[in-house]
Every structure is written in C-alpha cells, then in structure tokens.
C-alpha cells in the first residue's frame, strides 16, 4: 500500500514540530515528527475499519478520522493508497 501525506497535512506537521522544538531542546521537534509519521504508518497497516469523520466539514470530503494525542488525522483509504489529507489540532474542530 502506498502511503502519501498531502502537502497541507505536512505543512501542519512541520509547523507543529517547529513549535515543539521551540519549547524544548534541539532535536525534539524532529523526534515528535518521527513519532507522528510512525503513527501514520501504523494506522495504514492496521486491519481496523475506520468510520467517516463525525465533523461535518471533514465528512463532506469523505475523510476518515483518527485521534492521536489531541490531534486529528483525517485520511482517505483505498485498496492501493492511504492518503493523509489533513492534520488538525483537535480543539480547533468545533
């Protein structure tokens, strides 16, 4: 299965990693980003069935959602491709 992280989602991940690094020691942002990417690969390889997002603005695009440490990973999945489309701080979804 091909795993693709769209530019919009990657921009958010990179900005959050820079913020984490600004708060902590050098290299902490990179480690945080590696953990997120590992989690995305773990979700993609999972046999679980994911339902569509409950949030209306995400559901209209037929995204499936997964919550990870306060973040929402919105993605599409097919037989051949796992596509991360959005990476959103959970408290921003209302």
PDB file of N, CA and C in Angstrom:
ATOM      1  N   UNK A   1       0.839  -1.172   0.000  1.00  0.00           N
ATOM      2  CA  UNK A   1       0.000   0.000   0.000  1.00  0.00           C
ATOM      3  C   UNK A   1       0.892   1.246   0.000  1.00  0.00           C
ATOM      4  N   UNK A   2       0.524   2.190  -0.821  1.00  0.00           N
ATOM      5  CA  UNK A   2       1.248   3.458  -0.923  1.00  0.00           C
ATOM      6  C   UNK A   2       0.712   4.400   0.151  1.00  0.00           C
ATOM      7  N   UNK A   3       1.623   5.028   0.891  1.00  0.00           N
ATOM      8  CA  UNK A   3       1.233   5.988   1.914  1.00  0.00           C
ATOM      9  C   UNK A   3       1.678   7.368   1.459  1.00  0.00           C
ATOM     10  N   UNK A   4       0.715   8.286   1.387  1.00  0.00           N
ATOM     11  CA  UNK A   4       1.004   9.635   0.920  1.00  0.00           C
ATOM     12  C   UNK A   4       0.509  10.645   1.955  1.00  0.00           C
ATOM     13  N   UNK A   5       1.368  11.587   2.302  1.00  0.00           N
ATOM     14  CA  UNK A   5       0.979  12.675   3.198  1.00  0.00           C
ATOM     15  C   UNK A   5       0.892  13.926   2.331  1.00  0.00           C
ATOM     16  N   UNK A   6      -0.310  14.451   2.185  1.00  0.00           N
ATOM     17  CA  UNK A   6      -0.535  15.613   1.337  1.00  0.00           C
ATOM     18  C   UNK A   6       0.201  16.832   1.883  1.00  0.00           C
ATOM     19  N   UNK A   7       0.478  17.784   1.015  1.00  0.00           N
ATOM     20  CA  UNK A   7       1.249  18.978   1.374  1.00  0.00           C
ATOM     21  C   UNK A   7       0.589  19.755   2.515  1.00  0.00           C
ATOM     22  N   UNK A   8      -0.721  19.891   2.503  1.00  0.00           N
ATOM     23  CA  UNK A   8      -1.421  20.636   3.553  1.00  0.00           C
ATOM     24  C   UNK A   8      -1.212  19.994   4.920  1.00  0.00           C
ATOM     25  N   UNK A   9      -1.307  18.688   4.981  1.00  0.00           N
ATOM     26  CA  UNK A   9      -1.087  17.976   6.241  1.00  0.00           C
ATOM     27  C   UNK A   9       0.374  18.072   6.662  1.00  0.00           C
ATOM     28  N   UNK A  10       1.301  17.933   5.716  1.00  0.00           N
ATOM     29  CA  UNK A  10       2.722  18.001   6.040  1.00  0.00           C
ATOM     30  C   UNK A  10       3.118  19.392   6.522  1.00  0.00           C
ATOM     31  N   UNK A  11       2.527  20.436   5.957  1.00  0.00           N
ATOM     32  CA  UNK A  11       2.812  21.792   6.426  1.00  0.00           C
ATOM     33  C   UNK A  11       2.432  21.947   7.894  1.00  0.00           C
ATOM     34  N   UNK A  12       1.297  21.404   8.287  1.00  0.00           N
ATOM     35  CA  UNK A  12       0.861  21.483   9.678  1.00  0.00           C
ATOM     36  C   UNK A  12       1.783  20.673  10.585  1.00  0.00           C
ATOM     37  N   UNK A  13       2.163  19.493  10.142  1.00  0.00           N
ATOM     38  CA  UNK A  13       3.070  18.650  10.937  1.00  0.00           C
ATOM     39  C   UNK A  13       4.404  19.366  11.133  1.00  0.00           C
ATOM     40  N   UNK A  14       4.931  19.960  10.071  1.00  0.00           N
ATOM     41  CA  UNK A  14       6.205  20.668  10.168  1.00  0.00           C
ATOM     42  C   UNK A  14       6.108  21.892  11.077  1.00  0.00           C
ATOM     43  N   UNK A  15       5.006  22.642  10.986  1.00  0.00           N
ATOM     44  CA  UNK A  15       4.831  23.818  11.842  1.00  0.00           C
ATOM     45  C   UNK A  15       4.719  23.410  13.308  1.00  0.00           C
ATOM     46  N   UNK A  16       3.996  22.335  13.578  1.00  0.00           N
ATOM     47  CA  UNK A  16       3.866  21.853  14.955  1.00  0.00           C
ATOM     48  C   UNK A  16       5.207  21.347  15.477  1.00  0.00           C
ATOM     49  N   UNK A  17       5.990  20.701  14.630  1.00  0.00           N
ATOM     50  CA  UNK A  17       7.315  20.218  15.034  1.00  0.00           C
ATOM     51  C   UNK A  17       8.229  21.395  15.361  1.00  0.00           C
ATOM     52  N   UNK A  18       8.148  22.460  14.584  1.00  0.00           N
ATOM     53  CA  UNK A  18       8.954  23.654  14.862  1.00  0.00           C
ATOM     54  C   UNK A  18       8.534  24.282  16.188  1.00  0.00           C
ATOM     55  N   UNK A  19       7.241  24.281  16.462  1.00  0.00           N
ATOM     56  CA  UNK A  19       6.743  24.815  17.731  1.00  0.00           C
ATOM     57  C   UNK A  19       7.247  23.975  18.907  1.00  0.00           C
ATOM     58  N   UNK A  20       7.167  22.661  18.772  1.00  0.00           N
ATOM     59  CA  UNK A  20       7.651  21.754  19.826  1.00  0.00           C
ATOM     60  C   UNK A  20       9.138  21.974  20.058  1.00  0.00           C
ATOM     61  N   UNK A  21       9.890  22.135  18.998  1.00  0.00           N
ATOM     62  CA  UNK A  21      11.327  22.353  19.132  1.00  0.00           C
ATOM     63  C   UNK A  21      11.623  23.696  19.803  1.00  0.00           C
ATOM     64  N   UNK A  22      10.798  24.689  19.536  1.00  0.00           N
ATOM     65  CA  UNK A  22      10.973  25.989  20.174  1.00  0.00           C
ATOM     66  C   UNK A  22      10.726  25.940  21.668  1.00  0.00           C
ATOM     67  N   UNK A  23       9.854  25.043  22.089  1.00  0.00           N
ATOM     68  CA  UNK A  23       9.547  24.907  23.516  1.00  0.00           C
ATOM     69  C   UNK A  23      10.557  24.041  24.256  1.00  0.00           C
ATOM     70  N   UNK A  24      11.153  23.109  23.550  1.00  0.00           N
ATOM     71  CA  UNK A  24      12.008  22.104  24.181  1.00  0.00           C
ATOM     72  C   UNK A  24      13.441  22.190  23.654  1.00  0.00           C
ATOM     73  N   UNK A  25      14.155  21.099  23.761  1.00  0.00           N
ATOM     74  CA  UNK A  25      15.556  21.057  23.349  1.00  0.00           C
ATOM     75  C   UNK A  25      15.698  20.859  21.842  1.00  0.00           C
ATOM     76  N   UNK A  26      16.885  21.088  21.353  1.00  0.00           N
ATOM     77  CA  UNK A  26      17.176  20.905  19.933  1.00  0.00           C
ATOM     78  C   UNK A  26      16.977  19.431  19.574  1.00  0.00           C
ATOM     79  N   UNK A  27      16.268  19.192  18.494  1.00  0.00           N
ATOM     80  CA  UNK A  27      16.010  17.826  18.046  1.00  0.00           C
ATOM     81  C   UNK A  27      14.683  17.262  18.509  1.00  0.00           C
ATOM     82  N   UNK A  28      14.031  17.932  19.467  1.00  0.00           N
ATOM     83  CA  UNK A  28      12.763  17.399  19.978  1.00  0.00           C
ATOM     84  C   UNK A  28      11.656  17.482  18.938  1.00  0.00           C
ATOM     85  N   UNK A  29      11.673  18.503  18.101  1.00  0.00           N
ATOM     86  CA  UNK A  29      10.674  18.635  17.043  1.00  0.00           C
ATOM     87  C   UNK A  29      10.796  17.526  16.020  1.00  0.00           C
ATOM     88  N   UNK A  30      12.028  17.168  15.702  1.00  0.00           N
ATOM     89  CA  UNK A  30      12.256  16.085  14.742  1.00  0.00           C
ATOM     90  C   UNK A  30      11.773  14.752  15.310  1.00  0.00           C
ATOM     91  N   UNK A  31      12.060  14.510  16.581  1.00  0.00           N
ATOM     92  CA  UNK A  31      11.587  13.268  17.227  1.00  0.00           C
ATOM     93  C   UNK A  31      10.066  13.239  17.276  1.00  0.00           C
ATOM     94  N   UNK A  32       9.431  14.376  17.553  1.00  0.00           N
ATOM     95  CA  UNK A  32       7.967  14.460  17.590  1.00  0.00           C
ATOM     96  C   UNK A  32       7.399  14.128  16.211  1.00  0.00           C
ATOM     97  N   UNK A  33       8.023  14.685  15.174  1.00  0.00           N
ATOM     98  CA  UNK A  33       7.558  14.435  13.810  1.00  0.00           C
ATOM     99  C   UNK A  33       7.740  12.965  13.428  1.00  0.00           C
ATOM    100  N   UNK A  34       8.841  12.359  13.825  1.00  0.00           N
ATOM    101  CA  UNK A  34       9.059  10.940  13.556  1.00  0.00           C
ATOM    102  C   UNK A  34       7.985  10.087  14.219  1.00  0.00           C
ATOM    103  N   UNK A  35       7.581  10.449  15.443  1.00  0.00           N
ATOM    104  CA  UNK A  35       6.517   9.710  16.132  1.00  0.00           C
ATOM    105  C   UNK A  35       5.196   9.815  15.381  1.00  0.00           C
ATOM    106  N   UNK A  36       4.891  10.995  14.857  1.00  0.00           N
ATOM    107  CA  UNK A  36       3.654  11.184  14.090  1.00  0.00           C
ATOM    108  C   UNK A  36       3.689  10.327  12.829  1.00  0.00           C
ATOM    109  N   UNK A  37       4.796  10.346  12.119  1.00  0.00           N
ATOM    110  CA  UNK A  37       4.911   9.563  10.878  1.00  0.00           C
ATOM    111  C   UNK A  37       4.817   8.063  11.181  1.00  0.00           C
ATOM    112  N   UNK A  38       5.441   7.619  12.263  1.00  0.00           N
ATOM    113  CA  UNK A  38       5.323   6.211  12.663  1.00  0.00           C
ATOM    114  C   UNK A  38       3.873   5.854  12.957  1.00  0.00           C
ATOM    115  N   UNK A  39       3.154   6.749  13.613  1.00  0.00           N
ATOM    116  CA  UNK A  39       1.738   6.507  13.917  1.00  0.00           C
ATOM    117  C   UNK A  39       0.918   6.416  12.629  1.00  0.00           C
ATOM    118  N   UNK A  40       1.217   7.256  11.667  1.00  0.00           N
ATOM    119  CA  UNK A  40       0.511   7.210  10.376  1.00  0.00           C
ATOM    120  C   UNK A  40       0.760   5.862   9.691  1.00  0.00           C
ATOM    121  N   UNK A  41       1.993   5.381   9.701  1.00  0.00           N
ATOM    122  CA  UNK A  41       2.296   4.079   9.108  1.00  0.00           C
ATOM    123  C   UNK A  41       1.598   2.947   9.873  1.00  0.00           C
ATOM    124  N   UNK A  42       1.491   3.085  11.187  1.00  0.00           N
ATOM    125  CA  UNK A  42       0.805   2.075  11.990  1.00  0.00           C
ATOM    126  C   UNK A  42      -0.685   2.039  11.659  1.00  0.00           C
ATOM    127  N   UNK A  43      -1.284   3.206  11.499  1.00  0.00           N
ATOM    128  CA  UNK A  43      -2.704   3.279  11.136  1.00  0.00           C
ATOM    129  C   UNK A  43      -2.917   2.664   9.759  1.00  0.00           C
ATOM    130  N   UNK A  44      -2.039   2.990   8.826  1.00  0.00           N
ATOM    131  CA  UNK A  44      -2.173   2.485   7.451  1.00  0.00           C
ATOM    132  C   UNK A  44      -2.079   0.973   7.386  1.00  0.00           C
ATOM    133  N   UNK A  45      -1.256   0.390   8.235  1.00  0.00           N
ATOM    134  CA  UNK A  45      -1.092  -1.064   8.208  1.00  0.00           C
ATOM    135  C   UNK A  45      -2.117  -1.792   9.074  1.00  0.00           C
ATOM    136  N   UNK A  46      -2.944  -1.047   9.770  1.00  0.00           N
ATOM    137  CA  UNK A  46      -3.953  -1.634  10.647  1.00  0.00           C
ATOM    138  C   UNK A  46      -5.052  -2.314   9.833  1.00  0.00           C
ATOM    139  N   UNK A  47      -5.621  -3.340  10.407  1.00  0.00           N
ATOM    140  CA  UNK A  47      -6.737  -4.045   9.769  1.00  0.00           C
ATOM    141  C   UNK A  47      -8.087  -3.473  10.222  1.00  0.00           C
ATOM    142  N   UNK A  48      -8.050  -2.453  11.070  1.00  0.00           N
ATOM    143  CA  UNK A  48      -9.277  -1.867  11.617  1.00  0.00           C
ATOM    144  C   UNK A  48     -10.086  -1.186  10.523  1.00  0.00           C
ATOM    145  N   UNK A  49     -11.382  -1.143  10.742  1.00  0.00           N
ATOM    146  CA  UNK A  49     -12.292  -0.434   9.849  1.00  0.00           C
ATOM    147  C   UNK A  49     -12.547   0.942  10.463  1.00  0.00           C
ATOM    148  N   UNK A  50     -12.245   1.981   9.736  1.00  0.00           N
ATOM    149  CA  UNK A  50     -12.420   3.341  10.232  1.00  0.00           C
ATOM    150  C   UNK A  50     -13.692   3.942   9.652  1.00  0.00           C
ATOM    151  N   UNK A  51     -14.465   4.602  10.500  1.00  0.00           N
ATOM    152  CA  UNK A  51     -15.702   5.253  10.060  1.00  0.00           C
ATOM    153  C   UNK A  51     -15.379   6.651   9.566  1.00  0.00           C
ATOM    154  N   UNK A  52     -16.332   7.249   8.870  1.00  0.00           N
ATOM    155  CA  UNK A  52     -16.146   8.614   8.401  1.00  0.00           C
ATOM    156  C   UNK A  52     -16.128   9.563   9.594  1.00  0.00           C
ATOM    157  N   UNK A  53     -15.490  10.698   9.419  1.00  0.00           N
ATOM    158  CA  UNK A  53     -15.370  11.692  10.489  1.00  0.00           C
ATOM    159  C   UNK A  53     -16.747  12.172  10.931  1.00  0.00           C
ATOM    160  N   UNK A  54     -16.868  12.460  12.219  1.00  0.00           N
ATOM    161  CA  UNK A  54     -18.113  13.000  12.753  1.00  0.00           C
ATOM    162  C   UNK A  54     -18.253  14.483  12.442  1.00  0.00           C
ATOM    163  N   UNK A  55     -17.143  15.168  12.286  1.00  0.00           N
ATOM    164  CA  UNK A  55     -17.163  16.591  11.975  1.00  0.00           C
ATOM    165  C   UNK A  55     -17.689  16.780  10.554  1.00  0.00           C
ATOM    166  N   UNK A  56     -18.703  17.634  10.400  1.00  0.00           N
ATOM    167  CA  UNK A  56     -19.359  17.812   9.107  1.00  0.00           C
ATOM    168  C   UNK A  56     -18.420  18.351   8.032  1.00  0.00           C
ATOM    169  N   UNK A  57     -17.521  19.256   8.400  1.00  0.00           N
ATOM    170  CA  UNK A  57     -16.622  19.837   7.403  1.00  0.00           C
ATOM    171  C   UNK A  57     -15.624  18.817   6.869  1.00  0.00           C
ATOM    172  N   UNK A  58     -15.315  17.787   7.650  1.00  0.00           N
ATOM    173  CA  UNK A  58     -14.420  16.727   7.186  1.00  0.00           C
ATOM    174  C   UNK A  58     -15.201  15.594   6.522  1.00  0.00           C
ATOM    175  N   UNK A  59     -16.393  15.322   7.034  1.00  0.00           N
ATOM    176  CA  UNK A  59     -17.216  14.238   6.496  1.00  0.00           C
ATOM    177  C   UNK A  59     -17.658  14.510   5.058  1.00  0.00           C
ATOM    178  N   UNK A  60     -17.843  15.785   4.711  1.00  0.00           N
ATOM    179  CA  UNK A  60     -18.296  16.091   3.351  1.00  0.00           C
ATOM    180  C   UNK A  60     -17.255  15.711   2.298  1.00  0.00           C
ATOM    181  N   UNK A  61     -15.992  15.590   2.711  1.00  0.00           N
ATOM    182  CA  UNK A  61     -14.938  15.146   1.806  1.00  0.00           C
ATOM    183  C   UNK A  61     -14.690  13.640   1.914  1.00  0.00           C
ATOM    184  N   UNK A  62     -15.524  12.975   2.710  1.00  0.00           N
ATOM    185  CA  UNK A  62     -15.439  11.531   2.932  1.00  0.00           C
ATOM    186  C   UNK A  62     -14.104  11.130   3.564  1.00  0.00           C
ATOM    187  N   UNK A  63     -13.613  11.984   4.471  1.00  0.00           N
ATOM    188  CA  UNK A  63     -12.408  11.660   5.216  1.00  0.00           C
ATOM    189  C   UNK A  63     -12.751  10.732   6.369  1.00  0.00           C
ATOM    190  N   UNK A  64     -11.821   9.903   6.717  1.00  0.00           N
ATOM    191  CA  UNK A  64     -11.917   9.086   7.913  1.00  0.00           C
ATOM    192  C   UNK A  64     -10.971   9.722   8.929  1.00  0.00           C
ATOM    193  N   UNK A  65     -11.324   9.653  10.207  1.00  0.00           N
ATOM    194  CA  UNK A  65     -10.543  10.354  11.226  1.00  0.00           C
ATOM    195  C   UNK A  65      -9.981   9.401  12.261  1.00  0.00           C
ATOM    196  N   UNK A  66      -8.818   9.776  12.749  1.00  0.00           N
ATOM    197  CA  UNK A  66      -8.163   9.051  13.823  1.00  0.00           C
ATOM    198  C   UNK A  66      -7.586  10.095  14.770  1.00  0.00           C
ATOM    199  N   UNK A  67      -7.846   9.934  16.058  1.00  0.00           N
ATOM    200  CA  UNK A  67      -7.360  10.871  17.054  1.00  0.00           C
ATOM    201  C   UNK A  67      -6.084  10.336  17.681  1.00  0.00           C
ATOM    202  N   UNK A  68      -5.068  11.217  17.750  1.00  0.00           N
ATOM    203  CA  UNK A  68      -3.783  10.835  18.322  1.00  0.00           C
ATOM    204  C   UNK A  68      -3.231  11.996  19.146  1.00  0.00           C
ATOM    205  N   UNK A  69      -3.214  11.813  20.463  1.00  0.00           N
ATOM    206  CA  UNK A  69      -2.646  12.791  21.402  1.00  0.00           C
ATOM    207  C   UNK A  69      -3.153  14.213  21.161  1.00  0.00           C
ATOM    208  N   UNK A  70      -4.454  14.355  20.996  1.00  0.00           N
ATOM    209  CA  UNK A  70      -5.049  15.675  20.809  1.00  0.00           C
ATOM    210  C   UNK A  70      -5.110  16.138  19.364  1.00  0.00           C
ATOM    211  N   UNK A  71      -4.496  15.415  18.470  1.00  0.00           N
ATOM    212  CA  UNK A  71      -4.502  15.746  17.042  1.00  0.00           C
ATOM    213  C   UNK A  71      -5.480  14.843  16.307  1.00  0.00           C
ATOM    214  N   UNK A  72      -6.039  15.346  15.235  1.00  0.00           N
ATOM    215  CA  UNK A  72      -6.933  14.558  14.387  1.00  0.00           C
ATOM    216  C   UNK A  72      -6.231  14.352  13.050  1.00  0.00           C
ATOM    217  N   UNK A  73      -6.091  13.096  12.691  1.00  0.00           N
ATOM    218  CA  UNK A  73      -5.505  12.733  11.403  1.00  0.00           C
ATOM    219  C   UNK A  73      -6.669  12.356  10.492  1.00  0.00           C
ATOM    220  N   UNK A  74      -6.921  13.177   9.479  1.00  0.00           N
ATOM    221  CA  UNK A  74      -8.010  12.926   8.535  1.00  0.00           C
ATOM    222  C   UNK A  74      -7.402  12.331   7.268  1.00  0.00           C
ATOM    223  N   UNK A  75      -7.945  11.204   6.841  1.00  0.00           N
ATOM    224  CA  UNK A  75      -7.334  10.479   5.726  1.00  0.00           C
ATOM    225  C   UNK A  75      -8.390   9.807   4.866  1.00  0.00           C
ATOM    226  N   UNK A  76      -7.963   9.408   3.691  1.00  0.00           N
ATOM    227  CA  UNK A  76      -8.757   8.575   2.786  1.00  0.00           C
ATOM    228  C   UNK A  76      -7.984   7.277   2.617  1.00  0.00           C
ATOM    229  N   UNK A  77      -8.726   6.217   2.454  1.00  0.00           N
ATOM    230  CA  UNK A  77      -8.069   4.921   2.300  1.00  0.00           C
ATOM    231  C   UNK A  77      -8.764   4.136   1.192  1.00  0.00           C
ATOM    232  N   UNK A  78      -7.956   3.477   0.383  1.00  0.00           N
ATOM    233  CA  UNK A  78      -8.474   2.582  -0.652  1.00  0.00           C
ATOM    234  C   UNK A  78      -7.607   1.329  -0.633  1.00  0.00           C
ATOM    235  N   UNK A  79      -7.847   0.438  -1.560  1.00  0.00           N
ATOM    236  CA  UNK A  79      -7.070  -0.805  -1.602  1.00  0.00           C
ATOM    237  C   UNK A  79      -5.585  -0.551  -1.844  1.00  0.00           C
ATOM    238  N   UNK A  80      -5.274   0.475  -2.626  1.00  0.00           N
ATOM    239  CA  UNK A  80      -3.890   0.695  -3.021  1.00  0.00           C
ATOM    240  C   UNK A  80      -3.232   1.907  -2.366  1.00  0.00           C
ATOM    241  N   UNK A  81      -4.022   2.776  -1.715  1.00  0.00           N
ATOM    242  CA  UNK A  81      -3.457   4.039  -1.257  1.00  0.00           C
ATOM    243  C   UNK A  81      -4.021   4.468   0.085  1.00  0.00           C
ATOM    244  N   UNK A  82      -3.142   4.959   0.950  1.00  0.00           N
ATOM    245  CA  UNK A  82      -3.508   5.576   2.218  1.00  0.00           C
ATOM    246  C   UNK A  82      -3.042   7.020   2.119  1.00  0.00           C
ATOM    247  N   UNK A  83      -3.998   7.944   2.128  1.00  0.00           N
ATOM    248  CA  UNK A  83      -3.710   9.340   1.838  1.00  0.00           C
ATOM    249  C   UNK A  83      -4.084  10.218   3.031  1.00  0.00           C
ATOM    250  N   UNK A  84      -3.088  10.778   3.725  1.00  0.00           N
ATOM    251  CA  UNK A  84      -3.344  11.693   4.837  1.00  0.00           C
ATOM    252  C   UNK A  84      -3.598  13.064   4.231  1.00  0.00           C
ATOM    253  N   UNK A  85      -4.811  13.572   4.432  1.00  0.00           N
ATOM    254  CA  UNK A  85      -5.203  14.829   3.801  1.00  0.00           C
ATOM    255  C   UNK A  85      -5.118  16.025   4.745  1.00  0.00           C
ATOM    256  N   UNK A  86      -5.451  15.817   6.007  1.00  0.00           N
ATOM    257  CA  UNK A  86      -5.443  16.905   6.986  1.00  0.00           C
ATOM    258  C   UNK A  86      -4.835  16.416   8.288  1.00  0.00           C
ATOM    259  N   UNK A  87      -4.195  17.321   8.996  1.00  0.00           N
ATOM    260  CA  UNK A  87      -3.645  17.078  10.325  1.00  0.00           C
ATOM    261  C   UNK A  87      -4.053  18.288  11.146  1.00  0.00           C
ATOM    262  N   UNK A  88      -5.002  18.104  12.079  1.00  0.00           N
ATOM    263  CA  UNK A  88      -5.656  19.230  12.742  1.00  0.00           C
ATOM    264  C   UNK A  88      -5.570  19.076  14.254  1.00  0.00           C
ATOM    265  N   UNK A  89      -5.286  20.174  14.940  1.00  0.00           N
ATOM    266  CA  UNK A  89      -5.352  20.186  16.391  1.00  0.00           C
ATOM    267  C   UNK A  89      -6.814  19.994  16.769  1.00  0.00           C
ATOM    268  N   UNK A  90      -7.121  18.990  17.582  1.00  0.00           N
ATOM    269  CA  UNK A  90      -8.483  18.584  17.891  1.00  0.00           C
ATOM    270  C   UNK A  90      -9.363  19.682  18.447  1.00  0.00           C
ATOM    271  N   UNK A  91      -8.805  20.592  19.241  1.00  0.00           N
ATOM    272  CA  UNK A  91      -9.607  21.662  19.839  1.00  0.00           C
ATOM    273  C   UNK A  91     -10.068  22.690  18.828  1.00  0.00           C
ATOM    274  N   UNK A  92      -9.482  22.697  17.634  1.00  0.00           N
ATOM    275  CA  UNK A  92      -9.916  23.618  16.602  1.00  0.00           C
ATOM    276  C   UNK A  92     -11.168  23.130  15.879  1.00  0.00           C
ATOM    277  N   UNK A  93     -11.474  21.851  16.018  1.00  0.00           N
ATOM    278  CA  UNK A  93     -12.681  21.290  15.400  1.00  0.00           C
ATOM    279  C   UNK A  93     -13.847  21.507  16.344  1.00  0.00           C
ATOM    280  N   UNK A  94     -14.770  22.299  15.922  1.00  0.00           N
ATOM    281  CA  UNK A  94     -15.959  22.559  16.754  1.00  0.00           C
ATOM    282  C   UNK A  94     -17.201  22.374  15.932  1.00  0.00           C
TER     283      UNK A  94
END
